[in-house]
Amino acid sequence: MKERDRNDIAMWACLCHFSALLGLIWWMPMSTIWIPFGHLVGPLVVWLLKRKESAFIDEAGRESLNFQLTMTLYGAVFGLAFMGGIGKFVVMALVAVDSLLVVQAGMAASRSKAYRYPLIFRRML
């Protein structure tokens, strides 16, 4: 495989992860609350456009989407369970952990290394 092709694959795999950071800036208003959804749309779009070009991009996109869906579920559960003062801090902590892990995953992908997110419920075979 050519060096340029490897670099392109690594770049798209990075975008599968880094595009989740759109959730920090892209929020959707729902009545009185704002719900982040950029963290799902970014990785989904990149993965749908590029998944057939490389198994590495496909794996990175699936891993990123699975993690973002898991974090969305955690945020909804913790936000509802701890409504009020502490709920905001729990959700903010989740956002911080999410962002940190996304950066780690993106950096691994930039080195053409697969990254397995923690905190995901995985199917046991």
PDB file of N, CA and C in Angstrom:
ATOM      1  N   MET A   1       0.849  -1.179   0.000  1.00  0.00           N
ATOM      2  CA  MET A   1       0.000   0.000   0.000  1.00  0.00           C
ATOM      3  C   MET A   1       0.892   1.238   0.000  1.00  0.00           C
ATOM      4  N   LYS A   2       0.490   2.204  -0.761  1.00  0.00           N
ATOM      5  CA  LYS A   2       1.268   3.436  -0.848  1.00  0.00           C
ATOM      6  C   LYS A   2       1.185   4.232   0.447  1.00  0.00           C
ATOM      7  N   GLU A   3       2.241   5.002   0.695  1.00  0.00           N
ATOM      8  CA  GLU A   3       2.295   5.830   1.908  1.00  0.00           C
ATOM      9  C   GLU A   3       1.131   6.826   1.941  1.00  0.00           C
ATOM     10  N   ARG A   4       0.808   7.393   0.794  1.00  0.00           N
ATOM     11  CA  ARG A   4      -0.296   8.368   0.735  1.00  0.00           C
ATOM     12  C   ARG A   4      -1.621   7.712   1.087  1.00  0.00           C
ATOM     13  N   ASP A   5      -1.841   6.487   0.604  1.00  0.00           N
ATOM     14  CA  ASP A   5      -3.077   5.774   0.927  1.00  0.00           C
ATOM     15  C   ASP A   5      -3.167   5.496   2.423  1.00  0.00           C
ATOM     16  N   ARG A   6      -2.045   5.084   3.024  1.00  0.00           N
ATOM     17  CA  ARG A   6      -2.026   4.834   4.469  1.00  0.00           C
ATOM     18  C   ARG A   6      -2.334   6.104   5.248  1.00  0.00           C
ATOM     19  N   ASN A   7      -1.768   7.215   4.789  1.00  0.00           N
ATOM     20  CA  ASN A   7      -2.028   8.497   5.462  1.00  0.00           C
ATOM     21  C   ASN A   7      -3.486   8.911   5.327  1.00  0.00           C
ATOM     22  N   ASP A   8      -4.071   8.693   4.143  1.00  0.00           N
ATOM     23  CA  ASP A   8      -5.485   9.021   3.948  1.00  0.00           C
ATOM     24  C   ASP A   8      -6.379   8.170   4.845  1.00  0.00           C
ATOM     25  N   ILE A   9      -6.070   6.888   4.941  1.00  0.00           N
ATOM     26  CA  ILE A   9      -6.849   5.994   5.792  1.00  0.00           C
ATOM     27  C   ILE A   9      -6.741   6.435   7.250  1.00  0.00           C
ATOM     28  N   ALA A  10      -5.531   6.744   7.693  1.00  0.00           N
ATOM     29  CA  ALA A  10      -5.337   7.199   9.077  1.00  0.00           C
ATOM     30  C   ALA A  10      -6.084   8.506   9.323  1.00  0.00           C
ATOM     31  N   MET A  11      -6.069   9.416   8.335  1.00  0.00           N
ATOM     32  CA  MET A  11      -6.753  10.689   8.500  1.00  0.00           C
ATOM     33  C   MET A  11      -8.264  10.478   8.661  1.00  0.00           C
ATOM     34  N   TRP A  12      -8.861   9.628   7.831  1.00  0.00           N
ATOM     35  CA  TRP A  12     -10.302   9.396   7.930  1.00  0.00           C
ATOM     36  C   TRP A  12     -10.666   8.663   9.219  1.00  0.00           C
ATOM     37  N   ALA A  13      -9.792   7.760   9.662  1.00  0.00           N
ATOM     38  CA  ALA A  13     -10.026   7.087  10.942  1.00  0.00           C
ATOM     39  C   ALA A  13      -9.965   8.103  12.081  1.00  0.00           C
ATOM     40  N   CYS A  14      -9.016   9.035  12.003  1.00  0.00           N
ATOM     41  CA  CYS A  14      -8.937  10.115  13.001  1.00  0.00           C
ATOM     42  C   CYS A  14     -10.231  10.917  13.016  1.00  0.00           C
ATOM     43  N   LEU A  15     -10.742  11.241  11.848  1.00  0.00           N
ATOM     44  CA  LEU A  15     -11.976  12.029  11.770  1.00  0.00           C
ATOM     45  C   LEU A  15     -13.171  11.272  12.339  1.00  0.00           C
ATOM     46  N   CYS A  16     -13.156   9.945  12.234  1.00  0.00           N
ATOM     47  CA  CYS A  16     -14.225   9.161  12.862  1.00  0.00           C
ATOM     48  C   CYS A  16     -14.270   9.449  14.356  1.00  0.00           C
ATOM     49  N   HIS A  17     -13.106   9.614  14.958  1.00  0.00           N
ATOM     50  CA  HIS A  17     -13.040   9.891  16.390  1.00  0.00           C
ATOM     51  C   HIS A  17     -13.184  11.387  16.684  1.00  0.00           C
ATOM     52  N   PHE A  18     -12.345  12.199  16.057  1.00  0.00           N
ATOM     53  CA  PHE A  18     -12.309  13.633  16.382  1.00  0.00           C
ATOM     54  C   PHE A  18     -13.614  14.363  16.045  1.00  0.00           C
ATOM     55  N   SER A  19     -14.355  13.880  15.055  1.00  0.00           N
ATOM     56  CA  SER A  19     -15.607  14.555  14.706  1.00  0.00           C
ATOM     57  C   SER A  19     -16.627  14.467  15.844  1.00  0.00           C
ATOM     58  N   ALA A  20     -16.425  13.566  16.782  1.00  0.00           N
ATOM     59  CA  ALA A  20     -17.310  13.482  17.951  1.00  0.00           C
ATOM     60  C   ALA A  20     -17.197  14.735  18.820  1.00  0.00           C
ATOM     61  N   LEU A  21     -16.102  15.460  18.690  1.00  0.00           N
ATOM     62  CA  LEU A  21     -15.934  16.691  19.471  1.00  0.00           C
ATOM     63  C   LEU A  21     -16.909  17.783  19.031  1.00  0.00           C
ATOM     64  N   LEU A  22     -17.593  17.567  17.900  1.00  0.00           N
ATOM     65  CA  LEU A  22     -18.645  18.510  17.493  1.00  0.00           C
ATOM     66  C   LEU A  22     -19.741  18.590  18.548  1.00  0.00           C
ATOM     67  N   GLY A  23     -19.867  17.556  19.353  1.00  0.00           N
ATOM     68  CA  GLY A  23     -20.869  17.564  20.422  1.00  0.00           C
ATOM     69  C   GLY A  23     -20.631  18.660  21.437  1.00  0.00           C
ATOM     70  N   LEU A  24     -19.410  19.156  21.506  1.00  0.00           N
ATOM     71  CA  LEU A  24     -19.115  20.236  22.435  1.00  0.00           C
ATOM     72  C   LEU A  24     -19.655  21.576  21.950  1.00  0.00           C
ATOM     73  N   ILE A  25     -19.871  21.692  20.636  1.00  0.00           N
ATOM     74  CA  ILE A  25     -20.317  22.974  20.097  1.00  0.00           C
ATOM     75  C   ILE A  25     -21.654  22.912  19.375  1.00  0.00           C
ATOM     76  N   TRP A  26     -22.115  21.731  18.994  1.00  0.00           N
ATOM     77  CA  TRP A  26     -23.319  21.604  18.193  1.00  0.00           C
ATOM     78  C   TRP A  26     -24.436  21.018  19.055  1.00  0.00           C
ATOM     79  N   TRP A  27     -25.312  21.863  19.517  1.00  0.00           N
ATOM     80  CA  TRP A  27     -26.399  21.485  20.416  1.00  0.00           C
ATOM     81  C   TRP A  27     -27.733  21.745  19.752  1.00  0.00           C
ATOM     82  N   MET A  28     -28.725  20.936  20.073  1.00  0.00           N
ATOM     83  CA  MET A  28     -30.051  21.070  19.496  1.00  0.00           C
ATOM     84  C   MET A  28     -31.029  21.512  20.581  1.00  0.00           C
ATOM     85  N   PRO A  29     -31.714  22.632  20.384  1.00  0.00           N
ATOM     86  CA  PRO A  29     -32.664  23.078  21.419  1.00  0.00           C
ATOM     87  C   PRO A  29     -33.915  22.204  21.443  1.00  0.00           C
ATOM     88  N   MET A  30     -34.287  21.766  22.627  1.00  0.00           N
ATOM     89  CA  MET A  30     -35.517  20.991  22.834  1.00  0.00           C
ATOM     90  C   MET A  30     -36.257  21.653  23.994  1.00  0.00           C
ATOM     91  N   SER A  31     -37.217  22.450  23.721  1.00  0.00           N
ATOM     92  CA  SER A  31     -37.990  23.230  24.702  1.00  0.00           C
ATOM     93  C   SER A  31     -37.037  23.999  25.618  1.00  0.00           C
ATOM     94  N   THR A  32     -36.929  23.601  26.867  1.00  0.00           N
ATOM     95  CA  THR A  32     -36.104  24.368  27.804  1.00  0.00           C
ATOM     96  C   THR A  32     -34.705  23.798  27.989  1.00  0.00           C
ATOM     97  N   ILE A  33     -34.406  22.664  27.370  1.00  0.00           N
ATOM     98  CA  ILE A  33     -33.069  22.081  27.505  1.00  0.00           C
ATOM     99  C   ILE A  33     -32.390  22.022  26.142  1.00  0.00           C
ATOM    100  N   TRP A  34     -31.098  21.929  26.160  1.00  0.00           N
ATOM    101  CA  TRP A  34     -30.311  21.801  24.934  1.00  0.00           C
ATOM    102  C   TRP A  34     -29.637  20.444  24.949  1.00  0.00           C
ATOM    103  N   ILE A  35     -29.784  19.702  23.873  1.00  0.00           N
ATOM    104  CA  ILE A  35     -29.238  18.349  23.809  1.00  0.00           C
ATOM    105  C   ILE A  35     -28.113  18.319  22.785  1.00  0.00           C
ATOM    106  N   PRO A  36     -26.922  17.840  23.191  1.00  0.00           N
ATOM    107  CA  PRO A  36     -25.842  17.737  22.215  1.00  0.00           C
ATOM    108  C   PRO A  36     -26.107  16.577  21.265  1.00  0.00           C
ATOM    109  N   PHE A  37     -25.886  16.781  19.990  1.00  0.00           N
ATOM    110  CA  PHE A  37     -26.025  15.670  19.057  1.00  0.00           C
ATOM    111  C   PHE A  37     -24.913  15.657  18.024  1.00  0.00           C
ATOM    112  N   GLY A  38     -24.050  16.634  18.045  1.00  0.00           N
ATOM    113  CA  GLY A  38     -22.916  16.650  17.126  1.00  0.00           C
ATOM    114  C   GLY A  38     -21.981  15.484  17.361  1.00  0.00           C
ATOM    115  N   HIS A  39     -21.923  14.991  18.601  1.00  0.00           N
ATOM    116  CA  HIS A  39     -21.044  13.875  18.909  1.00  0.00           C
ATOM    117  C   HIS A  39     -21.499  12.589  18.234  1.00  0.00           C
ATOM    118  N   LEU A  40     -22.739  12.529  17.783  1.00  0.00           N
ATOM    119  CA  LEU A  40     -23.241  11.371  17.049  1.00  0.00           C
ATOM    120  C   LEU A  40     -23.229  11.605  15.543  1.00  0.00           C
ATOM    121  N   VAL A  41     -23.597  12.798  15.126  1.00  0.00           N
ATOM    122  CA  VAL A  41     -23.713  13.097  13.693  1.00  0.00           C
ATOM    123  C   VAL A  41     -22.345  13.087  13.012  1.00  0.00           C
ATOM    124  N   GLY A  42     -21.342  13.686  13.642  1.00  0.00           N
ATOM    125  CA  GLY A  42     -20.010  13.745  13.034  1.00  0.00           C
ATOM    126  C   GLY A  42     -19.441  12.375  12.718  1.00  0.00           C
ATOM    127  N   PRO A  43     -19.298  11.489  13.712  1.00  0.00           N
ATOM    128  CA  PRO A  43     -18.766  10.157  13.429  1.00  0.00           C
ATOM    129  C   PRO A  43     -19.652   9.357  12.468  1.00  0.00           C
ATOM    130  N   LEU A  44     -20.969   9.537  12.569  1.00  0.00           N
ATOM    131  CA  LEU A  44     -21.871   8.807  11.682  1.00  0.00           C
ATOM    132  C   LEU A  44     -21.652   9.196  10.225  1.00  0.00           C
ATOM    133  N   VAL A  45     -21.548  10.483   9.960  1.00  0.00           N
ATOM    134  CA  VAL A  45     -21.359  10.951   8.580  1.00  0.00           C
ATOM    135  C   VAL A  45     -20.019  10.461   8.024  1.00  0.00           C
ATOM    136  N   VAL A  46     -18.958  10.610   8.793  1.00  0.00           N
ATOM    137  CA  VAL A  46     -17.632  10.167   8.328  1.00  0.00           C
ATOM    138  C   VAL A  46     -17.654   8.666   8.078  1.00  0.00           C
ATOM    139  N   TRP A  47     -18.206   7.909   9.012  1.00  0.00           N
ATOM    140  CA  TRP A  47     -18.235   6.458   8.877  1.00  0.00           C
ATOM    141  C   TRP A  47     -19.064   6.031   7.664  1.00  0.00           C
ATOM    142  N   LEU A  48     -20.246   6.628   7.481  1.00  0.00           N
ATOM    143  CA  LEU A  48     -21.082   6.258   6.337  1.00  0.00           C
ATOM    144  C   LEU A  48     -20.418   6.572   5.004  1.00  0.00           C
ATOM    145  N   LEU A  49     -19.679   7.675   4.944  1.00  0.00           N
ATOM    146  CA  LEU A  49     -19.027   8.059   3.692  1.00  0.00           C
ATOM    147  C   LEU A  49     -17.791   7.216   3.373  1.00  0.00           C
ATOM    148  N   LYS A  50     -17.069   6.761   4.398  1.00  0.00           N
ATOM    149  CA  LYS A  50     -15.755   6.158   4.155  1.00  0.00           C
ATOM    150  C   LYS A  50     -15.601   4.709   4.607  1.00  0.00           C
ATOM    151  N   ARG A  51     -16.628   4.111   5.189  1.00  0.00           N
ATOM    152  CA  ARG A  51     -16.482   2.775   5.780  1.00  0.00           C
ATOM    153  C   ARG A  51     -16.099   1.689   4.779  1.00  0.00           C
ATOM    154  N   LYS A  52     -16.488   1.834   3.530  1.00  0.00           N
ATOM    155  CA  LYS A  52     -16.205   0.796   2.527  1.00  0.00           C
ATOM    156  C   LYS A  52     -14.809   0.919   1.927  1.00  0.00           C
ATOM    157  N   GLU A  53     -14.119   2.008   2.239  1.00  0.00           N
ATOM    158  CA  GLU A  53     -12.791   2.218   1.670  1.00  0.00           C
ATOM    159  C   GLU A  53     -11.695   1.477   2.423  1.00  0.00           C
ATOM    160  N   SER A  54     -11.953   1.153   3.687  1.00  0.00           N
ATOM    161  CA  SER A  54     -10.914   0.518   4.486  1.00  0.00           C
ATOM    162  C   SER A  54     -11.530  -0.154   5.707  1.00  0.00           C
ATOM    163  N   ALA A  55     -11.014  -1.329   6.038  1.00  0.00           N
ATOM    164  CA  ALA A  55     -11.472  -2.018   7.246  1.00  0.00           C
ATOM    165  C   ALA A  55     -11.083  -1.219   8.492  1.00  0.00           C
ATOM    166  N   PHE A  56      -9.959  -0.515   8.429  1.00  0.00           N
ATOM    167  CA  PHE A  56      -9.514   0.292   9.576  1.00  0.00           C
ATOM    168  C   PHE A  56     -10.467   1.459   9.828  1.00  0.00           C
ATOM    169  N   ILE A  57     -10.902   2.127   8.764  1.00  0.00           N
ATOM    170  CA  ILE A  57     -11.869   3.222   8.902  1.00  0.00           C
ATOM    171  C   ILE A  57     -13.199   2.675   9.412  1.00  0.00           C
ATOM    172  N   ASP A  58     -13.623   1.541   8.883  1.00  0.00           N
ATOM    173  CA  ASP A  58     -14.867   0.920   9.321  1.00  0.00           C
ATOM    174  C   ASP A  58     -14.812   0.597  10.812  1.00  0.00           C
ATOM    175  N   GLU A  59     -13.719   0.021  11.258  1.00  0.00           N
ATOM    176  CA  GLU A  59     -13.554  -0.321  12.676  1.00  0.00           C
ATOM    177  C   GLU A  59     -13.542   0.937  13.553  1.00  0.00           C
ATOM    178  N   ALA A  60     -12.812   1.965  13.121  1.00  0.00           N
ATOM    179  CA  ALA A  60     -12.733   3.209  13.895  1.00  0.00           C
ATOM    180  C   ALA A  60     -14.111   3.862  13.997  1.00  0.00           C
ATOM    181  N   GLY A  61     -14.846   3.880  12.899  1.00  0.00           N
ATOM    182  CA  GLY A  61     -16.177   4.477  12.904  1.00  0.00           C
ATOM    183  C   GLY A  61     -17.146   3.731  13.794  1.00  0.00           C
ATOM    184  N   ARG A  62     -17.109   2.409  13.723  1.00  0.00           N
ATOM    185  CA  ARG A  62     -17.991   1.604  14.574  1.00  0.00           C
ATOM    186  C   ARG A  62     -17.662   1.813  16.054  1.00  0.00           C
ATOM    187  N   GLU A  63     -16.381   1.810  16.357  1.00  0.00           N
ATOM    188  CA  GLU A  63     -15.946   1.989  17.747  1.00  0.00           C
ATOM    189  C   GLU A  63     -16.361   3.372  18.255  1.00  0.00           C
ATOM    190  N   SER A  64     -16.154   4.397  17.445  1.00  0.00           N
ATOM    191  CA  SER A  64     -16.508   5.754  17.838  1.00  0.00           C
ATOM    192  C   SER A  64     -18.014   5.891  18.054  1.00  0.00           C
ATOM    193  N   LEU A  65     -18.805   5.396  17.115  1.00  0.00           N
ATOM    194  CA  LEU A  65     -20.259   5.488  17.252  1.00  0.00           C
ATOM    195  C   LEU A  65     -20.766   4.709  18.455  1.00  0.00           C
ATOM    196  N   ASN A  66     -20.221   3.518  18.656  1.00  0.00           N
ATOM    197  CA  ASN A  66     -20.636   2.717  19.803  1.00  0.00           C
ATOM    198  C   ASN A  66     -20.337   3.453  21.105  1.00  0.00           C
ATOM    199  N   PHE A  67     -19.157   4.055  21.180  1.00  0.00           N
ATOM    200  CA  PHE A  67     -18.798   4.792  22.389  1.00  0.00           C
ATOM    201  C   PHE A  67     -19.695   6.005  22.590  1.00  0.00           C
ATOM    202  N   GLN A  68     -19.954   6.752  21.535  1.00  0.00           N
ATOM    203  CA  GLN A  68     -20.784   7.951  21.660  1.00  0.00           C
ATOM    204  C   GLN A  68     -22.226   7.596  22.034  1.00  0.00           C
ATOM    205  N   LEU A  69     -22.743   6.507  21.484  1.00  0.00           N
ATOM    206  CA  LEU A  69     -24.093   6.066  21.873  1.00  0.00           C
ATOM    207  C   LEU A  69     -24.116   5.639  23.340  1.00  0.00           C
ATOM    208  N   THR A  70     -23.050   4.957  23.771  1.00  0.00           N
ATOM    209  CA  THR A  70     -22.956   4.549  25.175  1.00  0.00           C
ATOM    210  C   THR A  70     -22.891   5.768  26.085  1.00  0.00           C
ATOM    211  N   MET A  71     -22.094   6.764  25.723  1.00  0.00           N
ATOM    212  CA  MET A  71     -21.990   7.962  26.543  1.00  0.00           C
ATOM    213  C   MET A  71     -23.311   8.732  26.568  1.00  0.00           C
ATOM    214  N   THR A  72     -24.039   8.726  25.465  1.00  0.00           N
ATOM    215  CA  THR A  72     -25.356   9.360  25.427  1.00  0.00           C
ATOM    216  C   THR A  72     -26.300   8.660  26.401  1.00  0.00           C
ATOM    217  N   LEU A  73     -26.263   7.350  26.401  1.00  0.00           N
ATOM    218  CA  LEU A  73     -27.090   6.587  27.332  1.00  0.00           C
ATOM    219  C   LEU A  73     -26.705   6.892  28.778  1.00  0.00           C
ATOM    220  N   TYR A  74     -25.405   6.890  29.074  1.00  0.00           N
ATOM    221  CA  TYR A  74     -24.948   7.226  30.429  1.00  0.00           C
ATOM    222  C   TYR A  74     -25.412   8.625  30.828  1.00  0.00           C
ATOM    223  N   GLY A  75     -25.262   9.580  29.919  1.00  0.00           N
ATOM    224  CA  GLY A  75     -25.668  10.953  30.219  1.00  0.00           C
ATOM    225  C   GLY A  75     -27.149  11.061  30.508  1.00  0.00           C
ATOM    226  N   ALA A  76     -27.974  10.371  29.724  1.00  0.00           N
ATOM    227  CA  ALA A  76     -29.419  10.415  29.937  1.00  0.00           C
ATOM    228  C   ALA A  76     -29.790   9.764  31.268  1.00  0.00           C
ATOM    229  N   VAL A  77     -29.203   8.623  31.557  1.00  0.00           N
ATOM    230  CA  VAL A  77     -29.519   7.925  32.810  1.00  0.00           C
ATOM    231  C   VAL A  77     -29.068   8.731  34.015  1.00  0.00           C
ATOM    232  N   PHE A  78     -27.808   9.187  33.988  1.00  0.00           N
ATOM    233  CA  PHE A  78     -27.303   9.951  35.132  1.00  0.00           C
ATOM    234  C   PHE A  78     -27.992  11.300  35.264  1.00  0.00           C
ATOM    235  N   GLY A  79     -28.283  11.926  34.135  1.00  0.00           N
ATOM    236  CA  GLY A  79     -28.976  13.215  34.177  1.00  0.00           C
ATOM    237  C   GLY A  79     -30.362  13.096  34.790  1.00  0.00           C
ATOM    238  N   LEU A  80     -31.073  12.021  34.440  1.00  0.00           N
ATOM    239  CA  LEU A  80     -32.415  11.816  35.005  1.00  0.00           C
ATOM    240  C   LEU A  80     -32.345  11.324  36.443  1.00  0.00           C
ATOM    241  N   ALA A  81     -31.375  10.465  36.741  1.00  0.00           N
ATOM    242  CA  ALA A  81     -31.265   9.918  38.092  1.00  0.00           C
ATOM    243  C   ALA A  81     -30.857  10.979  39.110  1.00  0.00           C
ATOM    244  N   PHE A  82     -30.041  11.916  38.673  1.00  0.00           N
ATOM    245  CA  PHE A  82     -29.539  12.942  39.594  1.00  0.00           C
ATOM    246  C   PHE A  82     -30.020  14.325  39.181  1.00  0.00           C
ATOM    247  N   MET A  83     -31.296  14.439  38.882  1.00  0.00           N
ATOM    248  CA  MET A  83     -31.837  15.748  38.502  1.00  0.00           C
ATOM    249  C   MET A  83     -31.545  16.763  39.597  1.00  0.00           C
ATOM    250  N   GLY A  84     -31.262  17.926  39.165  1.00  0.00           N
ATOM    251  CA  GLY A  84     -30.951  18.973  40.136  1.00  0.00           C
ATOM    252  C   GLY A  84     -29.478  19.308  40.089  1.00  0.00           C
ATOM    253  N   GLY A  85     -28.966  19.756  41.199  1.00  0.00           N
ATOM    254  CA  GLY A  85     -27.602  20.271  41.272  1.00  0.00           C
ATOM    255  C   GLY A  85     -26.528  19.295  40.889  1.00  0.00           C
ATOM    256  N   ILE A  86     -26.535  18.090  41.463  1.00  0.00           N
ATOM    257  CA  ILE A  86     -25.443  17.158  41.211  1.00  0.00           C
ATOM    258  C   ILE A  86     -25.498  16.565  39.801  1.00  0.00           C
ATOM    259  N   GLY A  87     -26.699  16.489  39.211  1.00  0.00           N
ATOM    260  CA  GLY A  87     -26.845  15.951  37.866  1.00  0.00           C
ATOM    261  C   GLY A  87     -26.028  16.708  36.838  1.00  0.00           C
ATOM    262  N   LYS A  88     -25.991  18.023  36.980  1.00  0.00           N
ATOM    263  CA  LYS A  88     -25.209  18.845  36.048  1.00  0.00           C
ATOM    264  C   LYS A  88     -23.726  18.505  36.140  1.00  0.00           C
ATOM    265  N   PHE A  89     -23.239  18.297  37.353  1.00  0.00           N
ATOM    266  CA  PHE A  89     -21.828  17.998  37.534  1.00  0.00           C
ATOM    267  C   PHE A  89     -21.475  16.601  37.033  1.00  0.00           C
ATOM    268  N   VAL A  90     -22.386  15.668  37.215  1.00  0.00           N
ATOM    269  CA  VAL A  90     -22.150  14.310  36.712  1.00  0.00           C
ATOM    270  C   VAL A  90     -22.087  14.326  35.187  1.00  0.00           C
ATOM    271  N   VAL A  91     -23.010  15.019  34.561  1.00  0.00           N
ATOM    272  CA  VAL A  91     -23.017  15.102  33.100  1.00  0.00           C
ATOM    273  C   VAL A  91     -21.780  15.855  32.598  1.00  0.00           C
ATOM    274  N   MET A  92     -21.382  16.919  33.290  1.00  0.00           N
ATOM    275  CA  MET A  92     -20.170  17.647  32.887  1.00  0.00           C
ATOM    276  C   MET A  92     -18.940  16.740  33.015  1.00  0.00           C
ATOM    277  N   ALA A  93     -18.890  15.915  34.040  1.00  0.00           N
ATOM    278  CA  ALA A  93     -17.784  14.970  34.194  1.00  0.00           C
ATOM    279  C   ALA A  93     -17.791  13.949  33.058  1.00  0.00           C
ATOM    280  N   LEU A  94     -18.968  13.488  32.658  1.00  0.00           N
ATOM    281  CA  LEU A  94     -19.065  12.563  31.524  1.00  0.00           C
ATOM    282  C   LEU A  94     -18.559  13.210  30.238  1.00  0.00           C
ATOM    283  N   VAL A  95     -18.911  14.462  30.032  1.00  0.00           N
ATOM    284  CA  VAL A  95     -18.448  15.184  28.840  1.00  0.00           C
ATOM    285  C   VAL A  95     -16.932  15.302  28.855  1.00  0.00           C
ATOM    286  N   ALA A  96     -16.354  15.579  30.005  1.00  0.00           N
ATOM    287  CA  ALA A  96     -14.897  15.687  30.116  1.00  0.00           C
ATOM    288  C   ALA A  96     -14.227  14.349  29.832  1.00  0.00           C
ATOM    289  N   VAL A  97     -14.761  13.269  30.385  1.00  0.00           N
ATOM    290  CA  VAL A  97     -14.199  11.932  30.137  1.00  0.00           C
ATOM    291  C   VAL A  97     -14.348  11.571  28.660  1.00  0.00           C
ATOM    292  N   ASP A  98     -15.517  11.848  28.113  1.00  0.00           N
ATOM    293  CA  ASP A  98     -15.769  11.586  26.696  1.00  0.00           C
ATOM    294  C   ASP A  98     -14.736  12.313  25.829  1.00  0.00           C
ATOM    295  N   SER A  99     -14.539  13.589  26.088  1.00  0.00           N
ATOM    296  CA  SER A  99     -13.602  14.389  25.294  1.00  0.00           C
ATOM    297  C   SER A  99     -12.176  13.860  25.405  1.00  0.00           C
ATOM    298  N   LEU A 100     -11.756  13.521  26.598  1.00  0.00           N
ATOM    299  CA  LEU A 100     -10.417  12.995  26.802  1.00  0.00           C
ATOM    300  C   LEU A 100     -10.209  11.689  26.042  1.00  0.00           C
ATOM    301  N   LEU A 101     -11.181  10.782  26.127  1.00  0.00           N
ATOM    302  CA  LEU A 101     -11.054   9.501  25.439  1.00  0.00           C
ATOM    303  C   LEU A 101     -11.114   9.660  23.926  1.00  0.00           C
ATOM    304  N   VAL A 102     -11.902  10.612  23.450  1.00  0.00           N
ATOM    305  CA  VAL A 102     -11.959  10.878  22.005  1.00  0.00           C
ATOM    306  C   VAL A 102     -10.597  11.348  21.504  1.00  0.00           C
ATOM    307  N   VAL A 103      -9.954  12.223  22.239  1.00  0.00           N
ATOM    308  CA  VAL A 103      -8.626  12.704  21.844  1.00  0.00           C
ATOM    309  C   VAL A 103      -7.621  11.547  21.849  1.00  0.00           C
ATOM    310  N   GLN A 104      -7.674  10.695  22.862  1.00  0.00           N
ATOM    311  CA  GLN A 104      -6.774   9.533  22.901  1.00  0.00           C
ATOM    312  C   GLN A 104      -7.004   8.618  21.703  1.00  0.00           C
ATOM    313  N   ALA A 105      -8.274   8.364  21.382  1.00  0.00           N
ATOM    314  CA  ALA A 105      -8.600   7.502  20.250  1.00  0.00           C
ATOM    315  C   ALA A 105      -8.145   8.123  18.928  1.00  0.00           C
ATOM    316  N   GLY A 106      -8.382   9.410  18.769  1.00  0.00           N
ATOM    317  CA  GLY A 106      -7.956  10.094  17.547  1.00  0.00           C
ATOM    318  C   GLY A 106      -6.450  10.083  17.378  1.00  0.00           C
ATOM    319  N   MET A 107      -5.726  10.263  18.469  1.00  0.00           N
ATOM    320  CA  MET A 107      -4.256  10.229  18.397  1.00  0.00           C
ATOM    321  C   MET A 107      -3.770   8.821  18.043  1.00  0.00           C
ATOM    322  N   ALA A 108      -4.403   7.793  18.593  1.00  0.00           N
ATOM    323  CA  ALA A 108      -4.035   6.416  18.247  1.00  0.00           C
ATOM    324  C   ALA A 108      -4.294   6.162  16.766  1.00  0.00           C
ATOM    325  N   ALA A 109      -5.446   6.623  16.271  1.00  0.00           N
ATOM    326  CA  ALA A 109      -5.773   6.437  14.850  1.00  0.00           C
ATOM    327  C   ALA A 109      -4.789   7.176  13.953  1.00  0.00           C
ATOM    328  N   SER A 110      -4.284   8.317  14.405  1.00  0.00           N
ATOM    329  CA  SER A 110      -3.312   9.063  13.596  1.00  0.00           C
ATOM    330  C   SER A 110      -2.002   8.279  13.441  1.00  0.00           C
ATOM    331  N   ARG A 111      -1.753   7.364  14.369  1.00  0.00           N
ATOM    332  CA  ARG A 111      -0.579   6.485  14.282  1.00  0.00           C
ATOM    333  C   ARG A 111      -0.948   5.137  13.677  1.00  0.00           C
ATOM    334  N   SER A 112      -2.134   5.048  13.088  1.00  0.00           N
ATOM    335  CA  SER A 112      -2.660   3.830  12.465  1.00  0.00           C
ATOM    336  C   SER A 112      -2.797   2.678  13.452  1.00  0.00           C
ATOM    337  N   LYS A 113      -3.155   3.015  14.680  1.00  0.00           N
ATOM    338  CA  LYS A 113      -3.371   2.003  15.714  1.00  0.00           C
ATOM    339  C   LYS A 113      -4.852   2.000  16.096  1.00  0.00           C
ATOM    340  N   ALA A 114      -5.403   0.812  16.221  1.00  0.00           N
ATOM    341  CA  ALA A 114      -6.798   0.683  16.629  1.00  0.00           C
ATOM    342  C   ALA A 114      -6.918   1.069  18.100  1.00  0.00           C
ATOM    343  N   TYR A 115      -8.042   1.641  18.457  1.00  0.00           N
ATOM    344  CA  TYR A 115      -8.288   2.055  19.839  1.00  0.00           C
ATOM    345  C   TYR A 115      -9.588   1.432  20.306  1.00  0.00           C
ATOM    346  N   ARG A 116      -9.568   0.835  21.471  1.00  0.00           N
ATOM    347  CA  ARG A 116     -10.765   0.261  22.076  1.00  0.00           C
ATOM    348  C   ARG A 116     -11.166   1.148  23.256  1.00  0.00           C
ATOM    349  N   TYR A 117     -12.310   1.800  23.117  1.00  0.00           N
ATOM    350  CA  TYR A 117     -12.802   2.662  24.185  1.00  0.00           C
ATOM    351  C   TYR A 117     -13.172   1.831  25.410  1.00  0.00           C
ATOM    352  N   PRO A 118     -12.895   2.360  26.595  1.00  0.00           N
ATOM    353  CA  PRO A 118     -13.416   1.713  27.801  1.00  0.00           C
ATOM    354  C   PRO A 118     -14.873   2.134  28.010  1.00  0.00           C
ATOM    355  N   LEU A 119     -15.510   1.598  28.993  1.00  0.00           N
ATOM    356  CA  LEU A 119     -16.870   1.966  29.415  1.00  0.00           C
ATOM    357  C   LEU A 119     -17.965   1.517  28.454  1.00  0.00           C
ATOM    358  N   ILE A 120     -17.614   0.719  27.448  1.00  0.00           N
ATOM    359  CA  ILE A 120     -18.607   0.242  26.480  1.00  0.00           C
ATOM    360  C   ILE A 120     -19.017  -1.170  26.870  1.00  0.00           C
ATOM    361  N   PHE A 121     -20.304  -1.426  26.806  1.00  0.00           N
ATOM    362  CA  PHE A 121     -20.784  -2.792  26.984  1.00  0.00           C
ATOM    363  C   PHE A 121     -20.580  -3.517  25.662  1.00  0.00           C
ATOM    364  N   ARG A 122     -19.752  -4.538  25.698  1.00  0.00           N
ATOM    365  CA  ARG A 122     -19.438  -5.277  24.479  1.00  0.00           C
ATOM    366  C   ARG A 122     -20.128  -6.640  24.517  1.00  0.00           C
ATOM    367  N   ARG A 123     -20.476  -7.093  23.354  1.00  0.00           N
ATOM    368  CA  ARG A 123     -21.104  -8.402  23.235  1.00  0.00           C
ATOM    369  C   ARG A 123     -20.056  -9.476  23.454  1.00  0.00           C
ATOM    370  N   MET A 124     -20.362 -10.414  24.299  1.00  0.00           N
ATOM    371  CA  MET A 124     -19.446 -11.524  24.546  1.00  0.00           C
ATOM    372  C   MET A 124     -19.754 -12.642  23.574  1.00  0.00           C
ATOM    373  N   LEU A 125     -18.740 -13.152  22.906  1.00  0.00           N
ATOM    374  CA  LEU A 125     -18.937 -14.249  21.945  1.00  0.00           C
ATOM    375  C   LEU A 125     -18.559 -15.555  22.556  1.00  0.00           C
TER     376      LEU A 125
END
